[in-house]
Structures are given as C-alpha cells and as structure tokens.
C-alpha cells in the first residue's frame, strides 16, 4: 500500500492540515502540531505513527552518541566492552536502540548543544575509556531538538546535513 501525505497550514487559525491518500480513500486531519496531525493521519491508515519526544527541559539538549569510528570497529551493542557503561550510565543517558552499534540516547544540561555533548563525551572517556564522539541530532519543525542516528566520518568538525538532520563528529582521533 502506497500512501501519499500532503501538508498545509491555515494561516488564520494556525492549524496544520495533513491529508493522506492511498488512491482508494483520503483522510484529512487538522491539528496545532504538524507532527501530531501526521501521526493521526498515519494511524488512520493502520500505520504505526512516529511521534517525536517532547522538548527537553530548559537548559537541556537531546542527542544520540555513538562510539567513534576509530574505537568501535565492528563492535555490536551486546559487546562485553559496553557492560561497564551499561551498569553506570552517564546522568541523563539511556542505552539506544541502534541494531548495528552501541549508542546512548541522552538529554543532558549545557549552555548549548555542543557543550552538553562535549561534557558527556568527556565523562564517558574519563570514566569508561570509551571514545564517544559521533553525535546525531535532528531539529523538528517546532524548534525542538530530537535524536536521529546518523554517521559521519571522523574529522574536526564534520557537518553533514540531510534535510533537517545533522551528523557531527566532535573529536580528533585519540592520541597514542
């Protein structure tokens, strides 16, 4: 089943109108949030809807961290080297759901996004000796920052954008 979604915003009311059309029927949902209107339209066609997480608290930033390209090699999420960090996660982080690499979903304080990421990466490096430096963030239409998995080749800095997403590799290789 192929479904096409179209989006429009009523400038008078501010409501978003999302129309889903599969060729046999058409469903239009109106809501204050484009994301919620889209989710309701997806559900109307029996799809599992994606709803972005709520914005982080003031002064906090949402991001995903993955162990750097230099240290991770072919390590899977169940690799024993991650047992220590799983038992003592950095504050504000939880184990991510990436199938191919170990990741952390984090909501951490910082004066700005890169400050929050750098502080968390430094804590992981000092506490566990792991080089977490690949971060993924996504800025949604309402201005909130949400996590999105995205890989980038390590360099300083390397910004690769896809639509509203950006992948950031935050550090140079570890010194030997």
Protein backbone atom coordinates (compact mmCIF):
# COMPACT_ATOMS: atom_id res chain seq x y z
CA UNK A 1 0.00 0.00 0.00
CA UNK A 2 1.45 3.34 -1.05
CA UNK A 3 0.21 6.40 0.83
CA UNK A 4 0.95 9.99 -0.12
CA UNK A 5 0.80 12.69 2.54
CA UNK A 6 0.38 16.38 1.81
CA UNK A 7 0.69 19.25 4.28
CA UNK A 8 -0.78 22.73 4.51
CA UNK A 9 -1.16 25.27 7.27
CA UNK A 10 -4.17 27.56 7.71
CA UNK A 11 -2.61 30.98 8.25
CA UNK A 12 -5.71 32.30 10.05
CA UNK A 13 -6.09 29.52 12.63
CA UNK A 14 -2.51 28.19 12.60
CA UNK A 15 -3.82 24.63 12.29
CA UNK A 16 -1.94 22.11 10.19
CA UNK A 17 -3.96 20.02 7.72
CA UNK A 18 -2.39 16.71 6.77
CA UNK A 19 -4.07 14.68 4.07
CA UNK A 20 -3.26 11.04 3.47
CA UNK A 21 -4.33 9.43 0.21
CA UNK A 22 -3.83 5.79 -0.78
CA UNK A 23 -5.71 6.01 -4.10
CA UNK A 24 -8.86 4.46 -2.66
CA UNK A 25 -9.59 6.84 0.19
CA UNK A 26 -8.45 10.17 1.51
CA UNK A 27 -8.19 11.25 5.15
CA UNK A 28 -7.54 14.82 6.34
CA UNK A 29 -6.50 15.58 9.92
CA UNK A 30 -6.26 19.09 11.41
CA UNK A 31 -4.12 19.79 14.47
CA UNK A 32 -1.99 22.56 16.03
CA UNK A 33 1.11 20.41 15.50
CA UNK A 34 2.17 19.16 12.08
CA UNK A 35 3.82 16.16 13.74
CA UNK A 36 0.64 15.16 15.58
CA UNK A 37 -1.56 15.68 12.52
CA UNK A 38 0.81 13.47 10.53
CA UNK A 39 0.79 10.79 13.25
CA UNK A 40 -3.03 10.75 13.35
CA UNK A 41 -3.20 10.51 9.55
CA UNK A 42 -0.73 7.60 9.60
CA UNK A 43 -2.82 5.83 12.25
CA UNK A 44 -5.97 6.35 10.16
CA UNK A 45 -4.34 4.11 7.54
CA UNK A 46 -3.30 1.50 10.11
CA UNK A 47 0.36 2.53 10.17
CA UNK A 48 2.48 2.79 13.30
CA UNK A 49 2.83 6.52 13.82
CA UNK A 50 6.03 8.29 14.75
CA UNK A 51 5.68 10.93 17.45
CA UNK A 52 8.77 12.92 18.34
CA UNK A 53 9.64 13.08 22.02
CA UNK A 54 8.64 16.21 23.94
CA UNK A 55 11.17 19.04 24.02
CA UNK A 56 13.86 18.65 26.69
CA UNK A 57 13.67 20.81 29.84
CA UNK A 58 15.10 24.34 29.60
CA UNK A 59 18.90 24.28 29.51
CA UNK A 60 18.98 20.64 28.37
CA UNK A 61 19.68 19.18 24.93
CA UNK A 62 18.67 15.87 23.30
CA UNK A 63 21.22 13.92 21.25
CA UNK A 64 22.47 10.43 20.41
CA UNK A 65 26.09 9.38 20.94
CA UNK A 66 27.89 6.50 19.26
CA UNK A 67 31.38 5.27 19.93
CA UNK A 68 33.73 6.89 17.47
CA UNK A 69 34.66 5.26 14.20
CA UNK A 70 38.23 4.94 15.50
CA UNK A 71 37.34 2.88 18.55
CA UNK A 72 34.19 0.99 17.64
CA UNK A 73 35.35 -1.06 14.66
CA UNK A 74 32.78 -3.86 14.33
CA UNK A 75 31.56 -3.80 17.94
CA UNK A 76 27.89 -4.71 18.34
CA UNK A 77 25.60 -3.34 21.08
CA UNK A 78 25.98 -6.58 23.06
CA UNK A 79 29.82 -6.43 23.00
CA UNK A 80 31.20 -7.07 26.53
CA UNK A 81 33.27 -3.86 26.39
CA UNK A 82 30.00 -1.95 26.97
CA UNK A 83 28.97 -3.85 30.12
CA UNK A 84 30.59 -1.29 32.45
CA UNK A 85 28.94 1.74 30.85
CA UNK A 86 25.57 -0.06 30.76
CA UNK A 87 25.79 -0.57 34.53
CA UNK A 88 26.86 3.05 35.18
CA UNK A 89 25.31 5.26 32.52
CA UNK A 90 26.09 8.98 32.39
CA UNK A 91 23.33 11.02 34.03
CA UNK A 92 20.59 11.78 31.51
CA UNK A 93 21.54 8.94 29.14
CA UNK A 94 19.98 5.57 28.35
CA UNK A 95 21.12 2.77 26.06
CA UNK A 96 19.99 3.50 22.49
CA UNK A 97 18.17 1.10 20.20
CA UNK A 98 20.64 1.00 17.33
CA UNK A 99 20.98 -2.55 15.93
CA UNK A 100 24.47 -2.21 14.48
CA UNK A 101 26.39 -0.15 17.02
CA UNK A 102 26.28 0.73 20.69
CA UNK A 103 24.64 4.10 21.24
CA UNK A 104 23.37 6.31 24.03
CA UNK A 105 20.21 8.44 23.89
CA UNK A 106 20.89 11.48 26.05
CA UNK A 107 19.08 14.52 27.45
CA UNK A 108 21.80 16.49 29.23
CA UNK A 109 22.33 20.03 30.53
CA UNK A 110 24.57 22.52 28.79
CA UNK A 111 24.76 26.16 27.84
CA UNK A 112 24.38 25.00 24.22
CA UNK A 113 24.14 21.67 22.39
CA UNK A 114 27.86 21.21 21.77
CA UNK A 115 28.60 21.97 25.43
CA UNK A 116 26.20 19.23 26.53
CA UNK A 117 27.70 16.75 24.05
CA UNK A 118 31.32 17.61 24.91
CA UNK A 119 30.70 17.29 28.66
CA UNK A 120 29.02 13.91 28.23
CA UNK A 121 31.76 12.63 25.88
CA UNK A 122 34.46 13.73 28.34
CA UNK A 123 32.70 11.94 31.21
CA UNK A 124 32.45 8.73 29.18
CA UNK A 125 36.11 8.95 28.15
CA UNK A 126 37.33 9.58 31.73
CA UNK A 127 35.05 7.04 33.41
CA UNK A 128 35.00 4.19 30.89
CA UNK A 129 37.86 4.85 28.46
CA UNK A 130 35.46 4.80 25.52
CA UNK A 131 35.78 7.35 22.73
CA UNK A 132 32.20 8.51 22.12
CA UNK A 133 32.38 11.34 19.64
CA UNK A 134 29.83 10.72 16.87
CA UNK A 135 26.58 12.54 17.63
CA UNK A 136 23.27 12.75 15.86
CA UNK A 137 20.66 15.46 16.32
CA UNK A 138 17.52 16.49 14.48
CA UNK A 139 15.71 19.79 14.72
CA UNK A 140 11.98 19.34 14.20
CA UNK A 141 9.59 21.88 12.74
CA UNK A 142 8.61 23.23 16.16
CA UNK A 143 12.21 24.04 17.08
CA UNK A 144 12.80 21.16 19.50
CA UNK A 145 15.94 19.08 19.09
CA UNK A 146 15.46 15.33 18.86
CA UNK A 147 17.84 12.45 18.33
CA UNK A 148 18.44 10.93 14.95
CA UNK A 149 21.01 8.28 14.18
CA UNK A 150 23.44 9.43 11.51
CA UNK A 151 27.05 8.50 10.86
CA UNK A 152 29.83 10.84 9.85
CA UNK A 153 33.45 10.27 9.01
CA UNK A 154 35.60 11.46 11.93
CA UNK A 155 37.20 14.86 11.47
CA UNK A 156 37.01 18.20 13.23
CA UNK A 157 34.34 19.46 12.65
CA UNK A 158 32.41 17.50 10.07
CA UNK A 159 28.84 18.62 9.47
CA UNK A 160 26.81 16.50 7.06
CA UNK A 161 23.19 17.54 6.68
CA UNK A 162 20.25 15.53 5.43
CA UNK A 163 17.03 17.57 5.30
CA UNK A 164 16.71 18.82 8.88
CA UNK A 165 19.24 16.40 10.39
CA UNK A 166 22.91 16.83 11.03
CA UNK A 167 25.64 14.37 11.92
CA UNK A 168 28.58 15.68 13.86
CA UNK A 169 31.90 14.07 14.57
CA UNK A 170 33.23 16.00 17.52
CA UNK A 171 36.80 14.99 18.10
CA UNK A 172 40.09 14.08 16.58
CA UNK A 173 41.45 10.54 16.97
CA UNK A 174 42.75 9.59 20.43
CA UNK A 175 46.44 10.16 20.99
CA UNK A 176 48.58 7.06 21.31
